[in-house]
């Protein structure tokens, strides 16, 4: 039986508008570490960059994504009150659900999440029109939110928002972020970058041989 929360209108609406963030990032030229986990690792597979450059990219993008998430969580969430007041119970409940997951559960959830996010990025890169990019991003992102998978940058916002309101702890935040980050990385690198690189690399070789 489908969980009752899946059928709630607020859950559906939240999932429906959530892709706006990634649309603004990708179409606007920004960077998100979960997207870079796919894009930069594929460049590494193709030997356009080395592993140190990959790690350096992931490190700095993660740091600045964290700074941005903490800024929004504190000033827009806590200071202005967008995650408090009537919204506090939902904020704390969501954060508690994420931090209460055991390491391996959070890790696997992270895999599922970034498998979908990486597919959204892949489809965006392949689309030639603005509308095509939006559609390519929209449905995979909406799906991961509806399913309830864990996204490391989203968690960088929602868990600190609960902490700023006086709930949870930074240690719980750190444990969750490590597990979800590793899961997101595995989902992007193994299930999208590596598999698509192998598939399209072979296709390219076959086409070259045929042309010859």
N, C-alpha and C. Protein backbone atom coordinates (compact mmCIF):
# COMPACT_ATOMS: atom_id res chain seq x y z
N UNK A 1 0.84 -1.20 0.00
CA UNK A 1 0.00 0.00 0.00
C UNK A 1 0.88 1.25 0.00
N UNK A 2 0.49 2.25 -0.76
CA UNK A 2 1.26 3.48 -0.83
C UNK A 2 1.10 4.28 0.45
N UNK A 3 2.20 4.80 1.03
CA UNK A 3 2.09 5.61 2.24
C UNK A 3 1.15 6.78 2.05
N UNK A 4 0.40 7.10 3.12
CA UNK A 4 -0.58 8.17 3.03
C UNK A 4 0.04 9.50 2.67
N UNK A 5 1.27 9.74 3.14
CA UNK A 5 1.92 11.03 2.88
C UNK A 5 2.20 11.24 1.40
N UNK A 6 2.34 10.13 0.64
CA UNK A 6 2.60 10.26 -0.79
C UNK A 6 1.41 10.88 -1.51
N UNK A 7 0.22 10.66 -0.96
CA UNK A 7 -0.97 11.15 -1.63
C UNK A 7 -1.38 12.54 -1.21
N UNK A 8 -0.65 13.18 -0.30
CA UNK A 8 -1.04 14.50 0.18
C UNK A 8 -0.72 15.56 -0.87
N UNK A 9 -1.59 16.56 -0.92
CA UNK A 9 -1.44 17.62 -1.93
C UNK A 9 -0.19 18.46 -1.69
N UNK A 10 0.13 18.71 -0.40
CA UNK A 10 1.31 19.53 -0.11
C UNK A 10 2.60 18.83 -0.52
N UNK A 11 2.64 17.49 -0.38
CA UNK A 11 3.81 16.73 -0.83
C UNK A 11 3.96 16.82 -2.35
N UNK A 12 2.83 16.68 -3.03
CA UNK A 12 2.86 16.76 -4.50
C UNK A 12 3.30 18.14 -4.96
N UNK A 13 2.76 19.18 -4.34
CA UNK A 13 3.11 20.54 -4.74
C UNK A 13 4.58 20.85 -4.45
N UNK A 14 5.06 20.36 -3.29
CA UNK A 14 6.46 20.56 -2.97
C UNK A 14 7.38 19.91 -3.98
N UNK A 15 7.01 18.68 -4.40
CA UNK A 15 7.81 17.98 -5.41
C UNK A 15 7.71 18.66 -6.77
N UNK A 16 6.53 19.23 -7.06
CA UNK A 16 6.31 19.84 -8.37
C UNK A 16 7.14 21.11 -8.56
N UNK A 17 7.36 21.86 -7.48
CA UNK A 17 8.11 23.11 -7.62
C UNK A 17 9.60 22.94 -7.28
N UNK A 18 9.97 21.82 -6.68
CA UNK A 18 11.36 21.60 -6.28
C UNK A 18 12.34 21.68 -7.46
N UNK A 19 11.97 21.19 -8.67
CA UNK A 19 12.92 21.25 -9.79
C UNK A 19 13.33 22.66 -10.18
N UNK A 20 12.61 23.68 -9.73
CA UNK A 20 12.96 25.06 -10.07
C UNK A 20 14.40 25.38 -9.71
N UNK A 21 14.85 24.86 -8.58
CA UNK A 21 16.22 25.12 -8.13
C UNK A 21 17.26 24.64 -9.11
N UNK A 22 17.12 23.39 -9.56
CA UNK A 22 18.11 22.85 -10.49
C UNK A 22 18.00 23.51 -11.86
N UNK A 23 16.79 23.88 -12.25
CA UNK A 23 16.62 24.60 -13.52
C UNK A 23 17.39 25.91 -13.48
N UNK A 24 17.25 26.66 -12.39
CA UNK A 24 17.96 27.93 -12.26
C UNK A 24 19.48 27.73 -12.27
N UNK A 25 19.93 26.65 -11.63
CA UNK A 25 21.36 26.38 -11.57
C UNK A 25 21.92 26.01 -12.94
N UNK A 26 21.30 25.04 -13.59
CA UNK A 26 21.85 24.54 -14.86
C UNK A 26 21.67 25.52 -16.00
N UNK A 27 20.47 26.07 -16.14
CA UNK A 27 20.22 27.01 -17.23
C UNK A 27 20.93 28.33 -16.98
N UNK A 28 21.06 28.70 -15.70
CA UNK A 28 21.71 29.96 -15.35
C UNK A 28 23.22 29.89 -15.30
N UNK A 29 23.79 28.69 -15.41
CA UNK A 29 25.24 28.56 -15.44
C UNK A 29 25.89 28.35 -14.09
N UNK A 30 25.10 28.00 -13.07
CA UNK A 30 25.66 27.71 -11.75
C UNK A 30 26.15 26.27 -11.66
N UNK A 31 26.60 25.89 -10.48
CA UNK A 31 27.11 24.53 -10.28
C UNK A 31 26.57 23.94 -8.99
N UNK A 32 26.19 22.69 -9.06
CA UNK A 32 25.70 21.92 -7.92
C UNK A 32 26.55 20.67 -7.83
N UNK A 33 27.02 20.34 -6.64
CA UNK A 33 27.97 19.23 -6.53
C UNK A 33 27.38 17.92 -7.02
N UNK A 34 26.09 17.69 -6.81
CA UNK A 34 25.50 16.43 -7.26
C UNK A 34 25.48 16.33 -8.78
N UNK A 35 25.30 17.46 -9.45
CA UNK A 35 25.39 17.46 -10.91
C UNK A 35 26.82 17.27 -11.38
N UNK A 36 27.76 17.89 -10.67
CA UNK A 36 29.17 17.74 -11.01
C UNK A 36 29.68 16.33 -10.77
N UNK A 37 29.06 15.62 -9.84
CA UNK A 37 29.45 14.23 -9.61
C UNK A 37 29.29 13.41 -10.87
N UNK A 38 28.29 13.75 -11.68
CA UNK A 38 28.09 13.06 -12.95
C UNK A 38 28.96 13.66 -14.05
N UNK A 39 28.86 14.98 -14.22
CA UNK A 39 29.53 15.63 -15.36
C UNK A 39 31.05 15.56 -15.27
N UNK A 40 31.59 15.86 -14.11
CA UNK A 40 33.05 15.90 -13.96
C UNK A 40 33.64 14.49 -13.97
N UNK A 41 32.92 13.53 -13.40
CA UNK A 41 33.43 12.15 -13.42
C UNK A 41 33.44 11.59 -14.84
N UNK A 42 32.47 12.01 -15.66
CA UNK A 42 32.49 11.55 -17.05
C UNK A 42 33.69 12.13 -17.79
N UNK A 43 34.03 13.38 -17.51
CA UNK A 43 35.23 13.97 -18.10
C UNK A 43 36.48 13.23 -17.63
N UNK A 44 36.44 12.75 -16.40
CA UNK A 44 37.57 11.98 -15.87
C UNK A 44 37.68 10.62 -16.56
N UNK A 45 36.54 9.97 -16.80
CA UNK A 45 36.55 8.70 -17.52
C UNK A 45 37.12 8.89 -18.93
N UNK A 46 36.83 10.04 -19.52
CA UNK A 46 37.30 10.33 -20.88
C UNK A 46 38.72 10.89 -20.89
N UNK A 47 39.34 10.94 -19.71
CA UNK A 47 40.73 11.39 -19.53
C UNK A 47 40.94 12.85 -19.96
N UNK A 48 39.87 13.64 -19.85
CA UNK A 48 40.00 15.07 -20.10
C UNK A 48 40.55 15.78 -18.87
N UNK A 49 40.32 15.18 -17.69
CA UNK A 49 40.87 15.69 -16.43
C UNK A 49 41.38 14.49 -15.64
N UNK A 50 42.18 14.76 -14.59
CA UNK A 50 42.66 13.67 -13.74
C UNK A 50 41.86 13.61 -12.44
N UNK A 51 42.12 12.60 -11.64
CA UNK A 51 41.35 12.37 -10.42
C UNK A 51 41.53 13.50 -9.42
N UNK A 52 42.71 14.10 -9.37
CA UNK A 52 42.93 15.22 -8.45
C UNK A 52 42.09 16.43 -8.83
N UNK A 53 41.96 16.68 -10.11
CA UNK A 53 41.11 17.78 -10.57
C UNK A 53 39.65 17.51 -10.23
N UNK A 54 39.24 16.25 -10.34
CA UNK A 54 37.88 15.87 -9.98
C UNK A 54 37.62 16.13 -8.50
N UNK A 55 38.54 15.66 -7.65
CA UNK A 55 38.39 15.84 -6.20
C UNK A 55 38.38 17.33 -5.85
N UNK A 56 39.25 18.09 -6.49
CA UNK A 56 39.34 19.53 -6.23
C UNK A 56 38.03 20.22 -6.58
N UNK A 57 37.46 19.84 -7.72
CA UNK A 57 36.18 20.42 -8.14
C UNK A 57 35.07 20.07 -7.16
N UNK A 58 34.95 18.79 -6.83
CA UNK A 58 33.91 18.37 -5.89
C UNK A 58 34.06 19.06 -4.54
N UNK A 59 35.31 19.19 -4.08
CA UNK A 59 35.56 19.80 -2.77
C UNK A 59 35.08 21.24 -2.72
N UNK A 60 35.50 22.04 -3.69
CA UNK A 60 35.16 23.46 -3.66
C UNK A 60 33.68 23.71 -3.92
N UNK A 61 33.09 22.94 -4.83
CA UNK A 61 31.66 23.10 -5.08
C UNK A 61 30.86 22.70 -3.85
N UNK A 62 31.29 21.63 -3.17
CA UNK A 62 30.61 21.21 -1.94
C UNK A 62 30.69 22.30 -0.88
N UNK A 63 31.87 22.88 -0.71
CA UNK A 63 32.05 23.93 0.30
C UNK A 63 31.13 25.12 0.03
N UNK A 64 31.09 25.56 -1.22
CA UNK A 64 30.27 26.74 -1.52
C UNK A 64 28.78 26.41 -1.57
N UNK A 65 28.42 25.19 -1.95
CA UNK A 65 27.03 24.77 -1.83
C UNK A 65 26.59 24.76 -0.38
N UNK A 66 27.49 24.30 0.51
CA UNK A 66 27.20 24.29 1.94
C UNK A 66 27.03 25.71 2.48
N UNK A 67 27.93 26.60 2.09
CA UNK A 67 27.83 27.99 2.54
C UNK A 67 26.50 28.60 2.09
N UNK A 68 26.14 28.36 0.84
CA UNK A 68 24.88 28.88 0.32
C UNK A 68 23.68 28.30 1.04
N UNK A 69 23.70 26.98 1.30
CA UNK A 69 22.59 26.33 1.99
C UNK A 69 22.44 26.84 3.42
N UNK A 70 23.57 27.00 4.12
CA UNK A 70 23.53 27.52 5.48
C UNK A 70 23.03 28.97 5.51
N UNK A 71 23.44 29.75 4.53
CA UNK A 71 22.98 31.15 4.44
C UNK A 71 21.46 31.20 4.29
N UNK A 72 20.94 30.40 3.37
CA UNK A 72 19.49 30.39 3.15
C UNK A 72 18.76 29.84 4.37
N UNK A 73 19.30 28.76 4.97
CA UNK A 73 18.65 28.16 6.14
C UNK A 73 18.57 29.14 7.30
N UNK A 74 19.64 29.92 7.50
CA UNK A 74 19.65 30.84 8.64
C UNK A 74 18.86 32.11 8.36
N UNK A 75 19.19 32.79 7.27
CA UNK A 75 18.60 34.11 7.04
C UNK A 75 17.16 34.03 6.51
N UNK A 76 16.90 33.13 5.57
CA UNK A 76 15.55 33.01 5.04
C UNK A 76 14.68 32.07 5.87
N UNK A 77 15.31 30.99 6.36
CA UNK A 77 14.55 30.05 7.17
C UNK A 77 14.35 30.50 8.59
N UNK A 78 15.45 30.75 9.32
CA UNK A 78 15.39 31.08 10.74
C UNK A 78 15.10 32.56 10.99
N UNK A 79 15.87 33.45 10.39
CA UNK A 79 15.74 34.88 10.68
C UNK A 79 14.41 35.45 10.19
N UNK A 80 14.07 35.17 8.94
CA UNK A 80 12.79 35.65 8.40
C UNK A 80 11.64 34.77 8.88
N UNK A 81 11.91 33.47 9.08
CA UNK A 81 10.90 32.58 9.62
C UNK A 81 10.20 31.68 8.63
N UNK A 82 10.81 31.48 7.44
CA UNK A 82 10.16 30.66 6.42
C UNK A 82 10.13 29.18 6.77
N UNK A 83 11.01 28.74 7.68
CA UNK A 83 10.98 27.34 8.11
C UNK A 83 10.57 27.22 9.58
N UNK A 84 10.03 28.28 10.14
CA UNK A 84 9.61 28.25 11.54
C UNK A 84 8.14 28.64 11.64
N UNK A 85 7.67 28.90 12.84
CA UNK A 85 6.26 29.22 13.01
C UNK A 85 5.39 28.04 12.61
N UNK A 86 4.46 28.28 11.71
CA UNK A 86 3.56 27.22 11.26
C UNK A 86 4.29 26.13 10.48
N UNK A 87 5.47 26.45 9.96
CA UNK A 87 6.22 25.49 9.15
C UNK A 87 7.24 24.68 9.96
N UNK A 88 7.40 25.03 11.24
CA UNK A 88 8.45 24.42 12.04
C UNK A 88 8.26 22.92 12.21
N UNK A 89 7.04 22.50 12.50
CA UNK A 89 6.78 21.07 12.72
C UNK A 89 7.17 20.24 11.50
N UNK A 90 6.85 20.73 10.31
CA UNK A 90 7.20 20.03 9.08
C UNK A 90 8.71 20.03 8.87
N UNK A 91 9.35 21.16 9.16
CA UNK A 91 10.80 21.27 9.01
C UNK A 91 11.51 20.26 9.91
N UNK A 92 11.12 20.24 11.19
CA UNK A 92 11.77 19.34 12.16
C UNK A 92 11.48 17.89 11.83
N UNK A 93 10.24 17.59 11.44
CA UNK A 93 9.89 16.20 11.10
C UNK A 93 10.72 15.70 9.92
N UNK A 94 10.85 16.54 8.90
CA UNK A 94 11.64 16.15 7.72
C UNK A 94 13.10 15.93 8.09
N UNK A 95 13.66 16.84 8.88
CA UNK A 95 15.06 16.72 9.30
C UNK A 95 15.27 15.49 10.17
N UNK A 96 14.33 15.20 11.06
CA UNK A 96 14.45 14.02 11.92
C UNK A 96 14.38 12.73 11.12
N UNK A 97 13.52 12.69 10.12
CA UNK A 97 13.42 11.51 9.27
C UNK A 97 14.73 11.25 8.54
N UNK A 98 15.38 12.30 8.10
CA UNK A 98 16.63 12.15 7.37
C UNK A 98 17.77 11.73 8.29
N UNK A 99 17.88 12.34 9.45
CA UNK A 99 18.99 12.04 10.35
C UNK A 99 18.80 10.73 11.11
N UNK A 100 17.57 10.23 11.19
CA UNK A 100 17.33 8.98 11.91
C UNK A 100 17.65 7.75 11.06
N UNK A 101 17.86 7.94 9.76
CA UNK A 101 18.17 6.81 8.89
C UNK A 101 19.56 6.28 9.20
N UNK A 102 19.72 4.94 9.32
CA UNK A 102 21.05 4.36 9.52
C UNK A 102 21.96 4.69 8.33
N UNK A 103 23.27 4.55 8.54
CA UNK A 103 24.25 4.93 7.52
C UNK A 103 23.94 4.30 6.17
N UNK A 104 23.75 2.98 6.13
CA UNK A 104 23.58 2.31 4.85
C UNK A 104 22.25 2.64 4.19
N UNK A 105 21.24 2.90 5.00
CA UNK A 105 19.96 3.31 4.44
C UNK A 105 20.07 4.69 3.79
N UNK A 106 20.75 5.61 4.48
CA UNK A 106 20.98 6.94 3.91
C UNK A 106 21.86 6.86 2.66
N UNK A 107 22.84 5.97 2.69
CA UNK A 107 23.74 5.78 1.55
C UNK A 107 22.98 5.31 0.32
N UNK A 108 22.15 4.28 0.48
CA UNK A 108 21.39 3.74 -0.65
C UNK A 108 20.36 4.76 -1.14
N UNK A 109 19.75 5.47 -0.20
CA UNK A 109 18.82 6.53 -0.59
C UNK A 109 19.53 7.59 -1.41
N UNK A 110 20.77 7.89 -1.04
CA UNK A 110 21.58 8.85 -1.80
C UNK A 110 21.88 8.36 -3.20
N UNK A 111 22.09 7.06 -3.35
CA UNK A 111 22.31 6.48 -4.68
C UNK A 111 21.09 6.72 -5.57
N UNK A 112 19.92 6.36 -5.04
CA UNK A 112 18.69 6.53 -5.82
C UNK A 112 18.45 7.98 -6.20
N UNK A 113 18.72 8.87 -5.25
CA UNK A 113 18.51 10.29 -5.50
C UNK A 113 19.38 10.79 -6.65
N UNK A 114 20.68 10.54 -6.55
CA UNK A 114 21.55 11.14 -7.56
C UNK A 114 21.56 10.37 -8.87
N UNK A 115 21.05 9.17 -8.87
CA UNK A 115 20.79 8.49 -10.14
C UNK A 115 19.79 9.33 -10.94
N UNK A 116 18.72 9.75 -10.26
CA UNK A 116 17.69 10.56 -10.91
C UNK A 116 18.18 11.97 -11.22
N UNK A 117 18.89 12.59 -10.27
CA UNK A 117 19.40 13.94 -10.50
C UNK A 117 20.39 13.95 -11.67
N UNK A 118 21.26 12.95 -11.71
CA UNK A 118 22.24 12.87 -12.80
C UNK A 118 21.56 12.65 -14.14
N UNK A 119 20.47 11.89 -14.15
CA UNK A 119 19.72 11.72 -15.39
C UNK A 119 19.09 13.04 -15.82
N UNK A 120 18.65 13.83 -14.84
CA UNK A 120 18.10 15.15 -15.16
C UNK A 120 19.17 16.03 -15.81
N UNK A 121 20.37 16.00 -15.25
CA UNK A 121 21.48 16.78 -15.81
C UNK A 121 21.83 16.27 -17.20
N UNK A 122 21.87 14.95 -17.36
CA UNK A 122 22.19 14.34 -18.65
C UNK A 122 21.17 14.76 -19.72
N UNK A 123 19.89 14.71 -19.37
CA UNK A 123 18.84 15.10 -20.31
C UNK A 123 18.92 16.59 -20.63
N UNK A 124 19.25 17.40 -19.63
CA UNK A 124 19.41 18.84 -19.84
C UNK A 124 20.53 19.12 -20.83
N UNK A 125 21.66 18.44 -20.66
CA UNK A 125 22.79 18.63 -21.57
C UNK A 125 22.44 18.21 -22.99
N UNK A 126 21.58 17.20 -23.11
CA UNK A 126 21.23 16.70 -24.44
C UNK A 126 20.17 17.52 -25.15
N UNK A 127 19.40 18.30 -24.39
CA UNK A 127 18.33 19.10 -24.99
C UNK A 127 18.90 20.32 -25.70
N UNK A 128 18.29 20.69 -26.81
CA UNK A 128 18.78 21.82 -27.59
C UNK A 128 17.97 23.09 -27.37
N UNK A 129 16.79 22.95 -26.79
CA UNK A 129 15.94 24.12 -26.57
C UNK A 129 15.77 24.38 -25.08
N UNK A 130 15.39 25.61 -24.74
CA UNK A 130 15.16 25.99 -23.35
C UNK A 130 14.05 25.14 -22.74
N UNK A 131 12.97 24.96 -23.50
CA UNK A 131 11.85 24.15 -23.01
C UNK A 131 12.27 22.70 -22.81
N UNK A 132 13.08 22.20 -23.72
CA UNK A 132 13.56 20.83 -23.60
C UNK A 132 14.40 20.62 -22.37
N UNK A 133 15.23 21.59 -22.04
CA UNK A 133 16.06 21.51 -20.83
C UNK A 133 15.18 21.48 -19.58
N UNK A 134 14.16 22.33 -19.56
CA UNK A 134 13.26 22.37 -18.41
C UNK A 134 12.55 21.04 -18.23
N UNK A 135 12.01 20.49 -19.31
CA UNK A 135 11.31 19.21 -19.23
C UNK A 135 12.25 18.08 -18.83
N UNK A 136 13.48 18.12 -19.35
CA UNK A 136 14.45 17.09 -19.01
C UNK A 136 14.81 17.09 -17.54
N UNK A 137 14.83 18.27 -16.95
CA UNK A 137 15.15 18.39 -15.52
C UNK A 137 13.94 18.07 -14.65
N UNK A 138 12.78 18.52 -15.08
CA UNK A 138 11.61 18.56 -14.19
C UNK A 138 11.21 17.20 -13.62
N UNK A 139 10.97 16.24 -14.48
CA UNK A 139 10.35 15.01 -14.01
C UNK A 139 11.27 14.10 -13.19
N UNK A 140 12.56 13.94 -13.53
CA UNK A 140 13.43 13.16 -12.64
C UNK A 140 13.57 13.77 -11.25
N UNK A 141 13.66 15.12 -11.18
CA UNK A 141 13.79 15.77 -9.88
C UNK A 141 12.50 15.64 -9.08
N UNK A 142 11.38 15.84 -9.74
CA UNK A 142 10.09 15.68 -9.08
C UNK A 142 9.93 14.26 -8.55
N UNK A 143 10.41 13.29 -9.30
CA UNK A 143 10.31 11.89 -8.89
C UNK A 143 11.11 11.61 -7.63
N UNK A 144 12.35 12.11 -7.54
CA UNK A 144 13.16 11.81 -6.36
C UNK A 144 12.58 12.46 -5.10
N UNK A 145 11.96 13.62 -5.25
CA UNK A 145 11.34 14.27 -4.09
C UNK A 145 10.11 13.49 -3.64
N UNK A 146 9.28 13.07 -4.58
CA UNK A 146 8.09 12.29 -4.24
C UNK A 146 8.45 10.97 -3.58
N UNK A 147 9.50 10.32 -4.08
CA UNK A 147 9.93 9.04 -3.51
C UNK A 147 10.50 9.24 -2.11
N UNK A 148 11.18 10.36 -1.89
CA UNK A 148 11.76 10.64 -0.58
C UNK A 148 13.23 10.33 -0.47
N UNK A 149 13.92 10.24 -1.61
CA UNK A 149 15.36 10.00 -1.59
C UNK A 149 16.10 11.19 -0.96
N UNK A 150 17.34 10.93 -0.51
CA UNK A 150 18.12 11.96 0.19
C UNK A 150 19.14 12.61 -0.74
N UNK A 151 19.14 13.93 -0.73
CA UNK A 151 20.02 14.74 -1.57
C UNK A 151 20.91 15.56 -0.65
N UNK A 152 22.22 15.48 -0.83
CA UNK A 152 23.16 16.06 0.12
C UNK A 152 22.99 17.57 0.27
N UNK A 153 22.78 18.28 -0.83
CA UNK A 153 22.66 19.74 -0.73
C UNK A 153 21.31 20.14 -0.14
N UNK A 154 20.26 19.41 -0.47
CA UNK A 154 18.96 19.68 0.17
C UNK A 154 19.06 19.46 1.67
N UNK A 155 19.79 18.42 2.08
CA UNK A 155 19.99 18.15 3.51
C UNK A 155 20.84 19.23 4.18
N UNK A 156 21.74 19.85 3.40
CA UNK A 156 22.54 20.96 3.94
C UNK A 156 21.66 22.15 4.31
N UNK A 157 20.46 22.17 3.76
CA UNK A 157 19.51 23.24 4.10
C UNK A 157 18.54 22.81 5.20
N UNK A 158 17.86 21.69 5.00
CA UNK A 158 16.74 21.34 5.89
C UNK A 158 17.21 20.96 7.29
N UNK A 159 18.33 20.25 7.42
CA UNK A 159 18.80 19.84 8.75
C UNK A 159 19.31 21.05 9.54
N UNK A 160 20.17 21.91 8.97
CA UNK A 160 20.55 23.12 9.70
C UNK A 160 19.36 24.02 10.04
N UNK A 161 18.34 24.05 9.17
CA UNK A 161 17.15 24.85 9.48
C UNK A 161 16.51 24.37 10.78
N UNK A 162 16.48 23.05 10.97
CA UNK A 162 15.95 22.50 12.23
C UNK A 162 16.90 22.78 13.39
N UNK A 163 18.20 22.73 13.13
CA UNK A 163 19.19 23.01 14.18
C UNK A 163 19.09 24.46 14.64
N UNK A 164 18.96 25.39 13.70
CA UNK A 164 18.83 26.81 14.04
C UNK A 164 17.57 27.08 14.86
N UNK A 165 16.58 26.21 14.72
CA UNK A 165 15.34 26.35 15.48
C UNK A 165 15.42 25.68 16.85
N UNK A 166 16.59 25.11 17.16
CA UNK A 166 16.79 24.50 18.48
C UNK A 166 16.57 23.01 18.53
N UNK A 167 16.56 22.35 17.39
CA UNK A 167 16.35 20.91 17.33
C UNK A 167 17.57 20.22 16.70
N UNK A 168 17.74 18.94 17.00
CA UNK A 168 18.82 18.12 16.44
C UNK A 168 20.19 18.68 16.82
N UNK A 169 21.24 18.13 16.19
CA UNK A 169 22.61 18.54 16.52
C UNK A 169 23.48 18.52 15.27
N UNK A 170 24.62 19.21 15.36
CA UNK A 170 25.54 19.25 14.23
C UNK A 170 26.21 17.90 14.00
N UNK A 171 26.33 17.08 15.04
CA UNK A 171 26.91 15.75 14.87
C UNK A 171 25.99 14.87 14.03
N UNK A 172 24.68 14.95 14.28
CA UNK A 172 23.72 14.21 13.46
C UNK A 172 23.77 14.71 12.02
N UNK A 173 23.92 15.99 11.85
CA UNK A 173 24.04 16.58 10.52
C UNK A 173 25.26 16.02 9.79
N UNK A 174 26.40 15.98 10.48
CA UNK A 174 27.64 15.51 9.86
C UNK A 174 27.53 14.04 9.45
N UNK A 175 26.98 13.20 10.33
CA UNK A 175 26.82 11.78 10.02
C UNK A 175 25.94 11.59 8.79
N UNK A 176 24.87 12.34 8.72
CA UNK A 176 23.96 12.22 7.59
C UNK A 176 24.63 12.69 6.30
N UNK A 177 25.32 13.82 6.36
CA UNK A 177 25.94 14.39 5.17
C UNK A 177 26.99 13.45 4.58
N UNK A 178 27.77 12.80 5.43
CA UNK A 178 28.80 11.87 4.94
C UNK A 178 28.16 10.71 4.19
N UNK A 179 27.14 10.10 4.79
CA UNK A 179 26.48 8.95 4.17
C UNK A 179 25.80 9.33 2.87
N UNK A 180 25.08 10.44 2.88
CA UNK A 180 24.34 10.85 1.68
C UNK A 180 25.28 11.33 0.58
N UNK A 181 26.35 12.03 0.95
CA UNK A 181 27.34 12.46 -0.04
C UNK A 181 27.93 11.26 -0.77
N UNK A 182 28.33 10.25 -0.02
CA UNK A 182 28.92 9.06 -0.64
C UNK A 182 27.90 8.34 -1.52
N UNK A 183 26.66 8.26 -1.05
CA UNK A 183 25.61 7.64 -1.86
C UNK A 183 25.33 8.42 -3.12
N UNK A 184 25.23 9.73 -3.01
CA UNK A 184 25.04 10.58 -4.19
C UNK A 184 26.17 10.39 -5.19
N UNK A 185 27.41 10.32 -4.68
CA UNK A 185 28.57 10.13 -5.57
C UNK A 185 28.48 8.79 -6.29
N UNK A 186 28.13 7.73 -5.57
CA UNK A 186 28.02 6.41 -6.18
C UNK A 186 26.91 6.39 -7.23
N UNK A 187 25.78 7.01 -6.92
CA UNK A 187 24.68 7.04 -7.88
C UNK A 187 25.06 7.74 -9.17
N UNK A 188 25.81 8.82 -9.06
CA UNK A 188 26.21 9.58 -10.25
C UNK A 188 27.31 8.87 -11.03
N UNK A 189 28.35 8.45 -10.33
CA UNK A 189 29.54 7.91 -10.99
C UNK A 189 29.27 6.53 -11.59
N UNK A 190 28.67 5.65 -10.80
CA UNK A 190 28.50 4.26 -11.24
C UNK A 190 27.30 4.10 -12.17
N UNK A 191 26.16 4.66 -11.77
CA UNK A 191 24.92 4.36 -12.49
C UNK A 191 24.63 5.30 -13.66
N UNK A 192 25.35 6.39 -13.77
CA UNK A 192 25.13 7.28 -14.91
C UNK A 192 26.44 7.50 -15.68
N UNK A 193 27.42 8.12 -15.05
CA UNK A 193 28.66 8.46 -15.77
C UNK A 193 29.33 7.24 -16.39
N UNK A 194 29.60 6.23 -15.58
CA UNK A 194 30.34 5.07 -16.06
C UNK A 194 29.54 4.30 -17.10
N UNK A 195 28.26 4.03 -16.81
CA UNK A 195 27.46 3.23 -17.73
C UNK A 195 27.22 3.96 -19.05
N UNK A 196 26.93 5.24 -18.99
CA UNK A 196 26.69 5.99 -20.22
C UNK A 196 27.99 6.22 -20.99
N UNK A 197 29.08 6.39 -20.27
CA UNK A 197 30.37 6.54 -20.96
C UNK A 197 30.70 5.27 -21.73
N UNK A 198 30.52 4.11 -21.08
CA UNK A 198 30.79 2.83 -21.74
C UNK A 198 29.87 2.64 -22.94
N UNK A 199 28.58 2.92 -22.75
CA UNK A 199 27.61 2.71 -23.82
C UNK A 199 27.90 3.61 -25.02
N UNK A 200 28.14 4.88 -24.78
CA UNK A 200 28.35 5.81 -25.89
C UNK A 200 29.75 5.71 -26.46
N UNK A 201 30.71 5.30 -25.66
CA UNK A 201 32.06 5.09 -26.17
C UNK A 201 32.07 3.93 -27.16
N UNK A 202 31.38 2.85 -26.80
CA UNK A 202 31.29 1.70 -27.70
C UNK A 202 30.55 2.06 -28.97
N UNK A 203 29.47 2.83 -28.81
CA UNK A 203 28.69 3.24 -29.98
C UNK A 203 29.54 4.08 -30.92
N UNK A 204 30.37 4.94 -30.34
CA UNK A 204 31.24 5.79 -31.15
C UNK A 204 32.25 4.96 -31.92
N UNK A 205 32.80 3.91 -31.29
CA UNK A 205 33.78 3.04 -31.94
C UNK A 205 33.13 2.29 -33.09
N UNK A 206 31.90 1.80 -32.86
CA UNK A 206 31.20 1.05 -33.89
C UNK A 206 30.90 1.93 -35.10
N UNK A 207 30.49 3.18 -34.81
CA UNK A 207 30.18 4.08 -35.92
C UNK A 207 31.43 4.41 -36.73
N UNK A 208 32.55 4.58 -36.05
CA UNK A 208 33.81 4.87 -36.73
C UNK A 208 34.23 3.70 -37.61
N UNK A 209 34.11 2.47 -37.06
CA UNK A 209 34.47 1.29 -37.83
C UNK A 209 33.59 1.14 -39.06
N UNK A 210 32.30 1.42 -38.89
CA UNK A 210 31.37 1.29 -40.01
C UNK A 210 31.71 2.30 -41.11
N UNK A 211 32.04 3.52 -40.66
CA UNK A 211 32.38 4.57 -41.64
C UNK A 211 33.62 4.21 -42.43
N UNK A 212 34.57 3.59 -41.75
CA UNK A 212 35.78 3.18 -42.44
C UNK A 212 35.49 2.05 -43.43
